[in-house]
C-alpha atoms as a PDB file:
ATOM      1  CA  UNK A   1     -49.786  88.617  16.612  1.00  0.00           C
ATOM      2  CA  UNK A   2     -46.056  88.386  16.886  1.00  0.00           C
ATOM      3  CA  UNK A   3     -44.189  88.419  20.239  1.00  0.00           C
ATOM      4  CA  UNK A   4     -41.402  90.950  20.723  1.00  0.00           C
ATOM      5  CA  UNK A   5     -38.490  88.933  21.413  1.00  0.00           C
ATOM      6  CA  UNK A   6     -39.588  86.054  18.286  1.00  0.00           C
ATOM      7  CA  UNK A   7     -39.902  88.753  15.670  1.00  0.00           C
ATOM      8  CA  UNK A   8     -36.202  90.392  16.762  1.00  0.00           C
ATOM      9  CA  UNK A   9     -34.835  86.279  16.368  1.00  0.00           C
ATOM     10  CA  UNK A  10     -36.683  86.295  12.744  1.00  0.00           C
ATOM     11  CA  UNK A  11     -34.992  89.516  11.782  1.00  0.00           C
ATOM     12  CA  UNK A  12     -31.382  88.815  12.919  1.00  0.00           C
ATOM     13  CA  UNK A  13     -31.301  85.228  11.464  1.00  0.00           C
ATOM     14  CA  UNK A  14     -32.742  87.293   8.044  1.00  0.00           C
ATOM     15  CA  UNK A  15     -29.524  89.308   8.186  1.00  0.00           C
ATOM     16  CA  UNK A  16     -27.098  89.522   5.712  1.00  0.00           C
ATOM     17  CA  UNK A  17     -23.075  88.151   6.982  1.00  0.00           C
ATOM     18  CA  UNK A  18     -21.187  89.179   4.157  1.00  0.00           C
ATOM     19  CA  UNK A  19     -18.209  87.193   5.976  1.00  0.00           C
ATOM     20  CA  UNK A  20     -19.464  83.672   6.421  1.00  0.00           C
ATOM     21  CA  UNK A  21     -21.107  84.788   1.988  1.00  0.00           C
ATOM     22  CA  UNK A  22     -17.230  85.144   1.032  1.00  0.00           C
ATOM     23  CA  UNK A  23     -15.729  82.266   3.407  1.00  0.00           C
ATOM     24  CA  UNK A  24     -18.565  79.838   1.888  1.00  0.00           C
ATOM     25  CA  UNK A  25     -17.743  80.989  -1.383  1.00  0.00           C
ATOM     26  CA  UNK A  26     -14.175  80.630  -1.193  1.00  0.00           C
ATOM     27  CA  UNK A  27     -15.278  76.555  -0.313  1.00  0.00           C
ATOM     28  CA  UNK A  28     -17.416  76.186  -3.226  1.00  0.00           C
ATOM     29  CA  UNK A  29     -14.226  77.674  -5.921  1.00  0.00           C
ATOM     30  CA  UNK A  30     -11.645  75.634  -3.892  1.00  0.00           C
ATOM     31  CA  UNK A  31     -13.682  72.467  -4.331  1.00  0.00           C
ATOM     32  CA  UNK A  32     -15.008  73.137  -7.957  1.00  0.00           C
ATOM     33  CA  UNK A  33     -11.982  74.338  -9.743  1.00  0.00           C
ATOM     34  CA  UNK A  34     -12.163  75.835 -12.985  1.00  0.00           C
ATOM     35  CA  UNK A  35     -11.518  74.666 -16.105  1.00  0.00           C
ATOM     36  CA  UNK A  36      -9.145  77.389 -17.676  1.00  0.00           C
ATOM     37  CA  UNK A  37      -6.795  75.945 -14.474  1.00  0.00           C
ATOM     38  CA  UNK A  38      -4.413  72.974 -15.640  1.00  0.00           C
ATOM     39  CA  UNK A  39      -5.017  69.686 -12.351  1.00  0.00           C
ATOM     40  CA  UNK A  40      -1.578  69.170 -10.911  1.00  0.00           C
ATOM     41  CA  UNK A  41      -0.977  65.675 -11.743  1.00  0.00           C
ATOM     42  CA  UNK A  42       0.102  62.477  -9.113  1.00  0.00           C
ATOM     43  CA  UNK A  43       3.279  61.573  -9.197  1.00  0.00           C
ATOM     44  CA  UNK A  44       3.646  58.369 -11.182  1.00  0.00           C
ATOM     45  CA  UNK A  45       5.414  56.273  -7.998  1.00  0.00           C
ATOM     46  CA  UNK A  46       2.785  57.996  -5.695  1.00  0.00           C
ATOM     47  CA  UNK A  47       0.664  54.806  -3.404  1.00  0.00           C
ATOM     48  CA  UNK A  48      -2.890  56.240  -4.791  1.00  0.00           C
ATOM     49  CA  UNK A  49      -3.473  57.149  -7.673  1.00  0.00           C
ATOM     50  CA  UNK A  50      -7.124  58.892  -8.831  1.00  0.00           C
ATOM     51  CA  UNK A  51      -9.321  57.068 -11.281  1.00  0.00           C
ATOM     52  CA  UNK A  52      -9.456  52.817 -11.788  1.00  0.00           C
ATOM     53  CA  UNK A  53      -7.054  51.338 -11.914  1.00  0.00           C
ATOM     54  CA  UNK A  54      -6.497  47.324 -13.055  1.00  0.00           C
ATOM     55  CA  UNK A  55      -3.566  45.168 -10.666  1.00  0.00           C
ATOM     56  CA  UNK A  56      -1.936  42.462 -12.585  1.00  0.00           C
ATOM     57  CA  UNK A  57       1.469  40.563 -11.131  1.00  0.00           C
ATOM     58  CA  UNK A  58       4.805  41.098 -13.107  1.00  0.00           C
ATOM     59  CA  UNK A  59       6.989  39.245 -11.417  1.00  0.00           C
ATOM     60  CA  UNK A  60       7.783  35.870 -12.635  1.00  0.00           C
ATOM     61  CA  UNK A  61       5.872  32.963 -11.282  1.00  0.00           C
ATOM     62  CA  UNK A  62       4.357  29.876 -11.671  1.00  0.00           C
ATOM     63  CA  UNK A  63       1.184  27.633 -10.285  1.00  0.00           C
ATOM     64  CA  UNK A  64       2.198  24.824  -8.259  1.00  0.00           C
ATOM     65  CA  UNK A  65       0.417  21.461  -6.137  1.00  0.00           C
ATOM     66  CA  UNK A  66       2.228  21.081  -3.230  1.00  0.00           C
ATOM     67  CA  UNK A  67       1.191  17.462  -2.366  1.00  0.00           C
ATOM     68  CA  UNK A  68       1.951  17.334   1.716  1.00  0.00           C
ATOM     69  CA  UNK A  69       0.620  20.297   2.217  1.00  0.00           C
ATOM     70  CA  UNK A  70       1.323  24.279   2.640  1.00  0.00           C
ATOM     71  CA  UNK A  71       1.549  25.246   6.765  1.00  0.00           C
ATOM     72  CA  UNK A  72       0.981  28.040   8.742  1.00  0.00           C
ATOM     73  CA  UNK A  73       2.208  29.403  12.523  1.00  0.00           C
ATOM     74  CA  UNK A  74      -0.990  27.047  13.192  1.00  0.00           C
ATOM     75  CA  UNK A  75       0.225  23.803  11.409  1.00  0.00           C
ATOM     76  CA  UNK A  76       3.645  24.739  13.510  1.00  0.00           C
ATOM     77  CA  UNK A  77       2.427  23.384  16.108  1.00  0.00           C
ATOM     78  CA  UNK A  78       2.469  19.216  16.624  1.00  0.00           C
ATOM     79  CA  UNK A  79      -1.048  19.053  17.928  1.00  0.00           C
ATOM     80  CA  UNK A  80      -2.167  21.259  14.414  1.00  0.00           C
ATOM     81  CA  UNK A  81      -0.106  19.008  11.606  1.00  0.00           C
ATOM     82  CA  UNK A  82      -2.168  17.790   8.972  1.00  0.00           C
ATOM     83  CA  UNK A  83      -3.445  14.224   9.821  1.00  0.00           C
ATOM     84  CA  UNK A  84      -2.869  11.878   9.582  1.00  0.00           C
ATOM     85  CA  UNK A  85       0.974  11.931   8.533  1.00  0.00           C
ATOM     86  CA  UNK A  86       1.281   9.334   6.170  1.00  0.00           C
ATOM     87  CA  UNK A  87      -1.648  11.064   3.647  1.00  0.00           C
ATOM     88  CA  UNK A  88      -1.147  13.180   0.587  1.00  0.00           C
ATOM     89  CA  UNK A  89      -2.750  16.942   1.397  1.00  0.00           C
ATOM     90  CA  UNK A  90      -2.148  18.540  -1.989  1.00  0.00           C
ATOM     91  CA  UNK A  91      -2.822  22.415  -2.035  1.00  0.00           C
ATOM     92  CA  UNK A  92      -2.273  24.834  -4.684  1.00  0.00           C
ATOM     93  CA  UNK A  93       0.022  28.164  -4.517  1.00  0.00           C
ATOM     94  CA  UNK A  94       1.627  30.647  -6.352  1.00  0.00           C
ATOM     95  CA  UNK A  95       5.237  30.356  -6.439  1.00  0.00           C
ATOM     96  CA  UNK A  96       7.681  32.501  -7.710  1.00  0.00           C
ATOM     97  CA  UNK A  97       9.986  31.259 -10.370  1.00  0.00           C
ATOM     98  CA  UNK A  98      13.175  32.261  -8.594  1.00  0.00           C
ATOM     99  CA  UNK A  99      12.332  30.866  -5.067  1.00  0.00           C
ATOM    100  CA  UNK A 100      13.522  27.581  -5.245  1.00  0.00           C
ATOM    101  CA  UNK A 101      17.241  29.266  -5.774  1.00  0.00           C
ATOM    102  CA  UNK A 102      19.572  29.399  -2.675  1.00  0.00           C
ATOM    103  CA  UNK A 103      23.215  31.188  -2.589  1.00  0.00           C
ATOM    104  CA  UNK A 104      24.524  28.314   0.223  1.00  0.00           C
ATOM    105  CA  UNK A 105      25.144  25.495  -1.007  1.00  0.00           C
ATOM    106  CA  UNK A 106      24.690  23.782   1.910  1.00  0.00           C
ATOM    107  CA  UNK A 107      20.813  25.218   2.256  1.00  0.00           C
ATOM    108  CA  UNK A 108      18.891  23.363  -0.539  1.00  0.00           C
ATOM    109  CA  UNK A 109      15.761  22.508  -2.004  1.00  0.00           C
ATOM    110  CA  UNK A 110      14.634  19.115  -1.622  1.00  0.00           C
ATOM    111  CA  UNK A 111      11.764  17.931  -4.126  1.00  0.00           C
ATOM    112  CA  UNK A 112      10.974  14.856  -2.970  1.00  0.00           C
ATOM    113  CA  UNK A 113      10.010  15.927   0.767  1.00  0.00           C
ATOM    114  CA  UNK A 114       9.219  19.508  -0.319  1.00  0.00           C
ATOM    115  CA  UNK A 115      11.004  21.778   1.909  1.00  0.00           C
ATOM    116  CA  UNK A 116      14.588  23.144   2.494  1.00  0.00           C
ATOM    117  CA  UNK A 117      17.560  20.979   4.054  1.00  0.00           C
ATOM    118  CA  UNK A 118      20.264  22.616   5.834  1.00  0.00           C
ATOM    119  CA  UNK A 119      23.424  20.503   6.241  1.00  0.00           C
ATOM    120  CA  UNK A 120      26.260  20.806   8.242  1.00  0.00           C
ATOM    121  CA  UNK A 121      29.102  18.307   9.815  1.00  0.00           C
ATOM    122  CA  UNK A 122      28.744  17.366  13.185  1.00  0.00           C
ATOM    123  CA  UNK A 123      30.654  14.997  14.941  1.00  0.00           C
ATOM    124  CA  UNK A 124      32.976  13.736  11.770  1.00  0.00           C
ATOM    125  CA  UNK A 125      29.417  13.159   9.969  1.00  0.00           C
ATOM    126  CA  UNK A 126      26.568  14.550   7.503  1.00  0.00           C
ATOM    127  CA  UNK A 127      24.007  15.947   9.280  1.00  0.00           C
ATOM    128  CA  UNK A 128      21.227  17.510   7.992  1.00  0.00           C
ATOM    129  CA  UNK A 129      17.988  19.694   9.392  1.00  0.00           C
ATOM    130  CA  UNK A 130      14.435  19.454   7.280  1.00  0.00           C
ATOM    131  CA  UNK A 131      12.464  22.906   7.358  1.00  0.00           C
ATOM    132  CA  UNK A 132       8.825  21.356   5.057  1.00  0.00           C
ATOM    133  CA  UNK A 133       6.712  23.274   3.374  1.00  0.00           C
ATOM    134  CA  UNK A 134       4.363  21.517   5.158  1.00  0.00           C
ATOM    135  CA  UNK A 135       4.541  22.578   8.712  1.00  0.00           C
ATOM    136  CA  UNK A 136       6.147  26.047   7.878  1.00  0.00           C
ATOM    137  CA  UNK A 137       4.509  27.185   5.505  1.00  0.00           C
ATOM    138  CA  UNK A 138       6.308  28.517   1.691  1.00  0.00           C
ATOM    139  CA  UNK A 139       8.339  31.646   2.192  1.00  0.00           C
ATOM    140  CA  UNK A 140       8.869  31.467   6.284  1.00  0.00           C
ATOM    141  CA  UNK A 141      10.042  27.796   5.304  1.00  0.00           C
ATOM    142  CA  UNK A 142      13.096  28.944   3.375  1.00  0.00           C
ATOM    143  CA  UNK A 143      13.433  31.873   5.798  1.00  0.00           C
ATOM    144  CA  UNK A 144      13.969  29.678   8.975  1.00  0.00           C
ATOM    145  CA  UNK A 145      16.507  27.450   6.930  1.00  0.00           C
ATOM    146  CA  UNK A 146      18.573  30.443   6.065  1.00  0.00           C
ATOM    147  CA  UNK A 147      18.499  31.571   9.885  1.00  0.00           C
ATOM    148  CA  UNK A 148      19.347  28.343  11.090  1.00  0.00           C
ATOM    149  CA  UNK A 149      22.186  28.364   9.276  1.00  0.00           C
ATOM    150  CA  UNK A 150      22.977  31.456  11.044  1.00  0.00           C
ATOM    151  CA  UNK A 151      22.474  29.916  14.378  1.00  0.00           C
ATOM    152  CA  UNK A 152      25.455  27.288  13.555  1.00  0.00           C
ATOM    153  CA  UNK A 153      27.304  30.096  11.528  1.00  0.00           C
ATOM    154  CA  UNK A 154      28.120  32.390  15.427  1.00  0.00           C
ATOM    155  CA  UNK A 155      27.961  28.227  17.317  1.00  0.00           C
ATOM    156  CA  UNK A 156      31.101  28.230  14.688  1.00  0.00           C
ATOM    157  CA  UNK A 157      29.501  24.358  13.579  1.00  0.00           C
ATOM    158  CA  UNK A 158      29.954  25.194   9.853  1.00  0.00           C
ATOM    159  CA  UNK A 159      33.270  24.935   8.531  1.00  0.00           C
ATOM    160  CA  UNK A 160      34.893  21.963   6.219  1.00  0.00           C
ATOM    161  CA  UNK A 161      34.771  18.422   6.926  1.00  0.00           C
ATOM    162  CA  UNK A 162      37.715  17.092   9.135  1.00  0.00           C
ATOM    163  CA  UNK A 163      40.114  15.594   7.338  1.00  0.00           C
ATOM    164  CA  UNK A 164      41.052  12.088   8.961  1.00  0.00           C
ATOM    165  CA  UNK A 165      44.749  11.297   7.704  1.00  0.00           C
ATOM    166  CA  UNK A 166      45.337   7.472   7.792  1.00  0.00           C
ATOM    167  CA  UNK A 167      48.300   6.182   9.890  1.00  0.00           C
ATOM    168  CA  UNK A 168      49.520   3.662   7.954  1.00  0.00           C
ATOM    169  CA  UNK A 169      48.543   1.988   4.702  1.00  0.00           C
ATOM    170  CA  UNK A 170      46.129  -0.492   5.441  1.00  0.00           C
ATOM    171  CA  UNK A 171      44.539   0.979   8.403  1.00  0.00           C
ATOM    172  CA  UNK A 172      41.459   4.154   6.993  1.00  0.00           C
ATOM    173  CA  UNK A 173      38.591   5.608   9.019  1.00  0.00           C
ATOM    174  CA  UNK A 174      35.262   4.624   7.772  1.00  0.00           C
ATOM    175  CA  UNK A 175      32.682   7.151   8.142  1.00  0.00           C
ATOM    176  CA  UNK A 176      29.526   5.618   7.669  1.00  0.00           C
ATOM    177  CA  UNK A 177      30.835   2.506  10.279  1.00  0.00           C
ATOM    178  CA  UNK A 178      31.877   5.322  12.463  1.00  0.00           C
ATOM    179  CA  UNK A 179      35.117   3.104  12.959  1.00  0.00           C
ATOM    180  CA  UNK A 180      39.234   2.288  11.930  1.00  0.00           C
ATOM    181  CA  UNK A 181      39.023  -0.470   9.005  1.00  0.00           C
ATOM    182  CA  UNK A 182      42.061  -2.646   8.598  1.00  0.00           C
ATOM    183  CA  UNK A 183      43.083  -4.577   6.287  1.00  0.00           C
ATOM    184  CA  UNK A 184      45.636  -7.890   6.092  1.00  0.00           C
ATOM    185  CA  UNK A 185      45.939 -11.028   5.189  1.00  0.00           C
ATOM    186  CA  UNK A 186      45.215 -14.428   6.889  1.00  0.00           C
ATOM    187  CA  UNK A 187      45.591 -17.263   5.171  1.00  0.00           C
ATOM    188  CA  UNK A 188      46.353 -16.390   1.510  1.00  0.00           C
ATOM    189  CA  UNK A 189      43.422 -14.294   1.580  1.00  0.00           C
ATOM    190  CA  UNK A 190      42.515 -10.949   2.008  1.00  0.00           C
ATOM    191  CA  UNK A 191      40.874  -9.902   5.199  1.00  0.00           C
ATOM    192  CA  UNK A 192      39.437  -6.521   7.195  1.00  0.00           C
ATOM    193  CA  UNK A 193      38.466  -5.973  10.632  1.00  0.00           C
ATOM    194  CA  UNK A 194      36.518  -2.820  11.951  1.00  0.00           C
ATOM    195  CA  UNK A 195      36.690  -1.255  15.351  1.00  0.00           C
ATOM    196  CA  UNK A 196      33.944   0.721  16.550  1.00  0.00           C
ATOM    197  CA  UNK A 197      34.966   4.564  17.752  1.00  0.00           C
ATOM    198  CA  UNK A 198      32.221   4.290  19.667  1.00  0.00           C
ATOM    199  CA  UNK A 199      32.465   1.362  21.604  1.00  0.00           C
ATOM    200  CA  UNK A 200      36.879   1.440  21.660  1.00  0.00           C
ATOM    201  CA  UNK A 201      36.584   5.402  21.337  1.00  0.00           C
ATOM    202  CA  UNK A 202      38.530   7.423  18.563  1.00  0.00           C
ATOM    203  CA  UNK A 203      42.242   6.552  19.394  1.00  0.00           C
ATOM    204  CA  UNK A 204      41.038   3.593  21.059  1.00  0.00           C
ATOM    205  CA  UNK A 205      39.895   1.832  17.994  1.00  0.00           C
ATOM    206  CA  UNK A 206      42.270   3.525  15.414  1.00  0.00           C
ATOM    207  CA  UNK A 207      45.392   1.219  17.956  1.00  0.00           C
ATOM    208  CA  UNK A 208      43.287  -2.128  17.638  1.00  0.00           C
ATOM    209  CA  UNK A 209      43.061  -1.709  14.109  1.00  0.00           C
ATOM    210  CA  UNK A 210      46.965  -0.660  13.828  1.00  0.00           C
ATOM    211  CA  UNK A 211      47.384  -3.963  15.776  1.00  0.00           C
ATOM    212  CA  UNK A 212      45.220  -6.522  14.043  1.00  0.00           C
ATOM    213  CA  UNK A 213      46.972  -5.542  11.155  1.00  0.00           C
ATOM    214  CA  UNK A 214      50.751  -6.499  12.967  1.00  0.00           C
ATOM    215  CA  UNK A 215      49.247  -9.693  14.043  1.00  0.00           C
ATOM    216  CA  UNK A 216      46.718 -11.009  11.805  1.00  0.00           C
ATOM    217  CA  UNK A 217      46.019 -14.076  13.665  1.00  0.00           C
ATOM    218  CA  UNK A 218      44.940 -12.404  17.487  1.00  0.00           C
ATOM    219  CA  UNK A 219      46.083  -9.037  17.728  1.00  0.00           C
ATOM    220  CA  UNK A 220      44.825  -6.722  20.978  1.00  0.00           C
ATOM    221  CA  UNK A 221      41.475  -8.779  20.770  1.00  0.00           C
ATOM    222  CA  UNK A 222      41.130 -12.088  19.651  1.00  0.00           C
ATOM    223  CA  UNK A 223      38.151 -12.340  17.623  1.00  0.00           C
ATOM    224  CA  UNK A 224      35.955 -15.497  18.022  1.00  0.00           C
ATOM    225  CA  UNK A 225      34.243 -17.106  15.163  1.00  0.00           C
ATOM    226  CA  UNK A 226      30.550 -16.677  14.549  1.00  0.00           C
ATOM    227  CA  UNK A 227      27.767 -17.145  11.807  1.00  0.00           C
ATOM    228  CA  UNK A 228      28.573 -19.360   9.421  1.00  0.00           C
ATOM    229  CA  UNK A 229      27.479 -22.979   9.366  1.00  0.00           C
ATOM    230  CA  UNK A 230      27.789 -24.884  12.404  1.00  0.00           C
ATOM    231  CA  UNK A 231      30.213 -26.934  13.316  1.00  0.00           C
ATOM    232  CA  UNK A 232      28.438 -30.264  14.047  1.00  0.00           C
ATOM    233  CA  UNK A 233      27.024 -29.950  10.710  1.00  0.00           C
ATOM    234  CA  UNK A 234      30.422 -30.445   8.715  1.00  0.00           C
ATOM    235  CA  UNK A 235      30.253 -33.736  10.922  1.00  0.00           C
ATOM    236  CA  UNK A 236      31.166 -36.137   7.843  1.00  0.00           C
ATOM    237  CA  UNK A 237      28.730 -39.319   7.758  1.00  0.00           C
ATOM    238  CA  UNK A 238      25.741 -37.587   8.483  1.00  0.00           C
ATOM    239  CA  UNK A 239      23.099 -36.082   6.948  1.00  0.00           C
ATOM    240  CA  UNK A 240      22.149 -31.967   8.073  1.00  0.00           C
ATOM    241  CA  UNK A 241      18.707 -33.161   9.666  1.00  0.00           C
ATOM    242  CA  UNK A 242      20.635 -35.997  12.091  1.00  0.00           C
ATOM    243  CA  UNK A 243      23.709 -33.383  12.837  1.00  0.00           C
ATOM    244  CA  UNK A 244      20.865 -30.288  13.649  1.00  0.00           C
ATOM    245  CA  UNK A 245      18.433 -32.364  15.899  1.00  0.00           C
ATOM    246  CA  UNK A 246      20.751 -34.481  18.212  1.00  0.00           C
ATOM    247  CA  UNK A 247      18.772 -33.537  20.867  1.00  0.00           C
ATOM    248  CA  UNK A 248      20.162 -34.160  24.526  1.00  0.00           C
ATOM    249  CA  UNK A 249      19.298 -33.568  28.709  1.00  0.00           C
ATOM    250  CA  UNK A 250      19.613 -29.990  27.780  1.00  0.00           C
ATOM    251  CA  UNK A 251      16.982 -30.207  25.081  1.00  0.00           C
ATOM    252  CA  UNK A 252      18.717 -27.347  23.038  1.00  0.00           C
ATOM    253  CA  UNK A 253      19.391 -27.984  19.192  1.00  0.00           C
ATOM    254  CA  UNK A 254      22.659 -27.799  18.796  1.00  0.00           C
ATOM    255  CA  UNK A 255      25.297 -29.704  21.270  1.00  0.00           C
END
């Protein structure tokens, strides 16, 4: 025998509810559209499309082996470099064909070092800084190189190389030796002397070079003879062995 409360509850549950039935039917119709109505097609540039897609790489690229490795943020730290550093660590990667192009002539790709290099003039000398792929990675190496050049532009260090005019004929500045060179004649022979700008200063070395050309014998700083064959080896009547090992109280090789 059922109780009164349980019978009323079962009777309430079995009652038809028209509002809930209508709502459920509308949801079913929305999920299962009829074949008569055309389905809206997603736009061609949509990020998500229905159906199966096959991904294909459309950019121009090639396969390359980097002999010295490909770095990352982890490899940028000195303690995490490829070890040993003098041995190759070949790694393969896909590189886009226009990766080696640069619109800046002072930022170039170095094929031997497998990295980018930035060139600029500092203290009258051509200076370069490398950004290797084995340290920064493939794309980050190029980004770091262009960012470093932007910093040089902000510091106004990217100007053209300053031209140094010679003060007179036969005296010029040698950028490789970093000094002024004087050309002169002495005893019927052409000779040259280089005065370091690091030692005497830029203007001081230029004055010494001009003075040496004016006075080839002494100039401002007399130059003592050095190197070459010692004078004792040039004595006549004795062999070079006898002249070289004369000995003496000082025990020196030469007197």
